[in-house]
Amino acid sequence: MSALTVISANLVRQALYNGWSSLGGSVTRSSEVFYAIKALFLHLAANKGNPDLELKYLTSGANSTLVDSACSLYAVIAKKGTNATASYLKVSNHATQVQADSDVILKSAVAGEEFVVLYPNGLAFSTGIAAGSYTAYDGSNATTPSTATHNFYGYLIVGA
C-alpha cells in the first residue's frame, strides 16, 4: 500500500521540475508543460495557502496503487512511451484497482506526446488512487496492460 506523505509544495515543485526533464528517456521537456505546472503552483500559493503535497511517480502496467486513502488530485503529468501504438492511461478512485469507469482517461498514439491535466481546486478521491496504462480499451474496460514502450510515464500531484 502507498500512504500519503505530504511535504512542502515548493519541494514537490522542485522535484517535479528535476524529474520531468529526463522522463521516459527524453532529456528535454516542453515549455508548455513547464508553464502549465508553474501556473498551477502559483495558483496554489496565491489562492490555496500553498498546501502540502506529494509527488507520485506513474509507471506502466495495470493496477498500480499510488495512494490508498482519501486524497485530492491536483495534476496528472504524463508522457507517452516511445511506441506509437494507441495507449490509454486510466486513473481511478480506488485504493487497489483501476476501475472500468475511471475518473481520468488519456489516450495517445503519438510516441513521446506530453499531457498535463490540472485540477486547480483538487479532484477529490474518496478511497485512493489506482492507475494503469493499457493498449486495449473497449470503451469501459481496459483489457491489456501496456508494455514498457507503449505505456505512459509521469507524475501525479496529490494532497490530503
Protein backbone atom coordinates (compact mmCIF):
# COMPACT_ATOMS: atom_id res chain seq x y z
CA MET A 1 0.00 0.00 0.00
CA SER A 2 1.03 3.55 -0.53
CA ALA A 3 0.18 6.02 2.19
CA LEU A 4 0.03 9.72 1.53
CA THR A 5 3.07 11.51 2.93
CA VAL A 6 2.83 15.19 2.09
CA ILE A 7 5.68 17.71 2.10
CA SER A 8 6.05 21.36 1.20
CA ALA A 9 4.58 22.32 -2.18
CA ASN A 10 7.87 24.04 -3.02
CA LEU A 11 9.80 20.77 -2.55
CA VAL A 12 7.26 18.94 -4.73
CA ARG A 13 7.64 21.62 -7.42
CA GLN A 14 11.44 21.31 -7.38
CA ALA A 15 11.32 17.50 -7.51
CA LEU A 16 8.88 17.63 -10.43
CA TYR A 17 11.00 20.09 -12.42
CA ASN A 18 14.10 17.98 -11.85
CA GLY A 19 12.41 14.65 -12.63
CA TRP A 20 10.38 15.75 -15.63
CA SER A 21 13.42 16.74 -17.69
CA SER A 22 14.54 13.12 -18.12
CA LEU A 23 11.17 11.36 -18.03
CA GLY A 24 10.71 8.49 -20.46
CA GLY A 25 14.26 8.70 -21.78
CA SER A 26 13.92 12.27 -23.04
CA VAL A 27 16.39 14.90 -21.89
CA THR A 28 14.07 17.83 -22.57
CA ARG A 29 10.61 18.96 -21.55
CA SER A 30 8.28 21.21 -23.45
CA SER A 31 7.85 24.80 -22.38
CA GLU A 32 4.07 24.26 -22.44
CA VAL A 33 4.34 21.64 -19.68
CA PHE A 34 6.68 23.82 -17.66
CA TYR A 35 4.40 26.88 -17.78
CA ALA A 36 1.22 24.90 -17.09
CA ILE A 37 2.76 23.43 -13.95
CA LYS A 38 4.20 26.81 -12.97
CA ALA A 39 0.69 28.31 -13.24
CA LEU A 40 -0.72 25.56 -11.01
CA PHE A 41 1.88 26.15 -8.30
CA LEU A 42 1.36 29.94 -8.48
CA HIS A 43 -2.40 29.39 -8.07
CA LEU A 44 -1.89 27.03 -5.14
CA ALA A 45 0.42 29.53 -3.42
CA ALA A 46 -1.77 32.58 -4.04
CA ASN A 47 -5.24 31.09 -3.58
CA LYS A 48 -4.98 27.82 -1.65
CA GLY A 49 -2.46 28.63 1.09
CA ASN A 50 0.33 26.62 -0.56
CA PRO A 51 -0.96 23.21 0.60
CA ASP A 52 1.38 20.37 1.41
CA LEU A 53 1.51 17.90 -1.47
CA GLU A 54 3.10 14.67 -2.61
CA LEU A 55 4.57 13.75 -5.96
CA LYS A 56 3.64 10.21 -7.01
CA TYR A 57 5.54 8.50 -9.82
CA LEU A 58 3.39 6.96 -12.52
CA THR A 59 4.70 3.78 -14.15
CA SER A 60 3.47 1.35 -16.76
CA GLY A 61 1.25 -1.65 -16.33
CA ALA A 62 -2.08 -2.26 -14.67
CA ASN A 63 -3.43 -1.62 -11.18
CA SER A 64 -0.65 0.44 -9.72
CA THR A 65 -1.72 1.69 -6.28
CA LEU A 66 -0.49 5.25 -5.88
CA VAL A 67 -2.48 6.31 -2.80
CA ASP A 68 -4.53 4.01 -0.56
CA SER A 69 -6.57 6.65 1.28
CA ALA A 70 -8.72 9.68 0.58
CA CYS A 71 -6.87 12.50 -1.18
CA SER A 72 -7.18 15.25 -3.77
CA LEU A 73 -5.61 15.08 -7.22
CA TYR A 74 -4.14 18.37 -8.43
CA ALA A 75 -2.36 17.32 -11.61
CA VAL A 76 -1.56 14.45 -13.95
CA ILE A 77 1.67 14.99 -15.87
CA ALA A 78 2.29 12.19 -18.33
CA LYS A 79 4.41 11.35 -21.32
CA LYS A 80 3.70 8.59 -23.83
CA GLY A 81 6.38 5.95 -24.31
CA THR A 82 8.48 5.51 -27.44
CA ASN A 83 5.96 3.42 -29.40
CA ALA A 84 3.17 4.99 -31.47
CA THR A 85 0.65 2.25 -30.60
CA ALA A 86 -2.55 3.69 -29.11
CA SER A 87 -2.43 3.52 -25.33
CA TYR A 88 -4.77 4.65 -22.56
CA LEU A 89 -3.86 6.00 -19.16
CA LYS A 90 -6.59 5.44 -16.60
CA VAL A 91 -6.71 6.96 -13.10
CA SER A 92 -9.39 5.59 -10.77
CA ASN A 93 -10.91 6.45 -7.41
CA HIS A 94 -9.94 3.12 -5.89
CA ALA A 95 -7.27 2.00 -3.44
CA THR A 96 -6.06 -1.06 -5.37
CA GLN A 97 -7.56 -1.50 -8.86
CA VAL A 98 -8.18 0.57 -11.96
CA GLN A 99 -11.92 0.70 -12.49
CA ALA A 100 -13.93 0.44 -15.73
CA ASP A 101 -15.38 3.91 -15.20
CA SER A 102 -12.20 5.78 -14.35
CA ASP A 103 -12.10 9.40 -13.27
CA VAL A 104 -9.32 10.39 -15.68
CA ILE A 105 -8.67 8.76 -19.07
CA LEU A 106 -5.97 9.91 -21.52
CA LYS A 107 -5.35 8.43 -24.96
CA SER A 108 -2.33 8.79 -27.20
CA ALA A 109 -0.97 7.11 -30.30
CA VAL A 110 1.93 9.57 -30.65
CA ALA A 111 5.33 8.50 -29.31
CA GLY A 112 6.66 10.96 -26.74
CA GLU A 113 3.44 13.03 -26.54
CA GLU A 114 3.11 15.01 -23.30
CA PHE A 115 -0.04 15.62 -21.26
CA VAL A 116 -0.88 17.94 -18.40
CA VAL A 117 -4.28 17.68 -16.74
CA LEU A 118 -4.80 20.24 -13.98
CA TYR A 119 -7.35 20.35 -11.17
CA PRO A 120 -6.58 23.73 -9.56
CA ASN A 121 -9.06 23.14 -6.72
CA GLY A 122 -8.27 19.44 -6.42
CA LEU A 123 -10.29 16.48 -7.67
CA ALA A 124 -11.47 14.53 -4.62
CA PHE A 125 -10.74 10.80 -4.48
CA SER A 126 -12.61 9.22 -1.57
CA THR A 127 -10.84 5.84 -1.41
CA GLY A 128 -7.44 6.34 -3.05
CA ILE A 129 -5.82 6.41 -6.47
CA ALA A 130 -5.03 3.45 -8.70
CA ALA A 131 -3.63 3.99 -12.18
CA GLY A 132 -2.69 1.91 -15.17
CA SER A 133 -1.63 2.11 -18.79
CA TYR A 134 -3.34 -0.11 -21.35
CA THR A 135 -3.15 -0.82 -25.09
CA ALA A 136 -6.65 -2.26 -25.38
CA TYR A 137 -9.74 -0.43 -24.21
CA ASP A 138 -13.30 -1.22 -25.29
CA GLY A 139 -14.96 1.93 -24.02
CA SER A 140 -15.45 0.75 -20.47
CA ASN A 141 -12.85 -1.93 -19.70
CA ALA A 142 -9.11 -1.68 -20.05
CA THR A 143 -8.08 -5.15 -21.08
CA THR A 144 -4.37 -5.31 -21.98
CA PRO A 145 -1.68 -3.74 -19.78
CA SER A 146 0.89 -1.70 -21.70
CA THR A 147 4.44 -2.83 -22.23
CA ALA A 148 7.39 -0.57 -21.47
CA THR A 149 7.43 1.12 -24.89
CA HIS A 150 3.64 1.67 -25.10
CA ASN A 151 2.98 2.99 -21.63
CA PHE A 152 2.70 6.41 -20.06
CA TYR A 153 5.34 7.68 -17.65
CA GLY A 154 4.76 10.62 -15.39
CA TYR A 155 3.69 12.04 -12.10
CA LEU A 156 0.58 12.80 -10.13
CA ILE A 157 0.47 15.71 -7.72
CA VAL A 158 -1.76 14.84 -4.77
CA GLY A 159 -2.65 16.37 -1.44
CA ALA A 160 -4.60 15.48 1.67
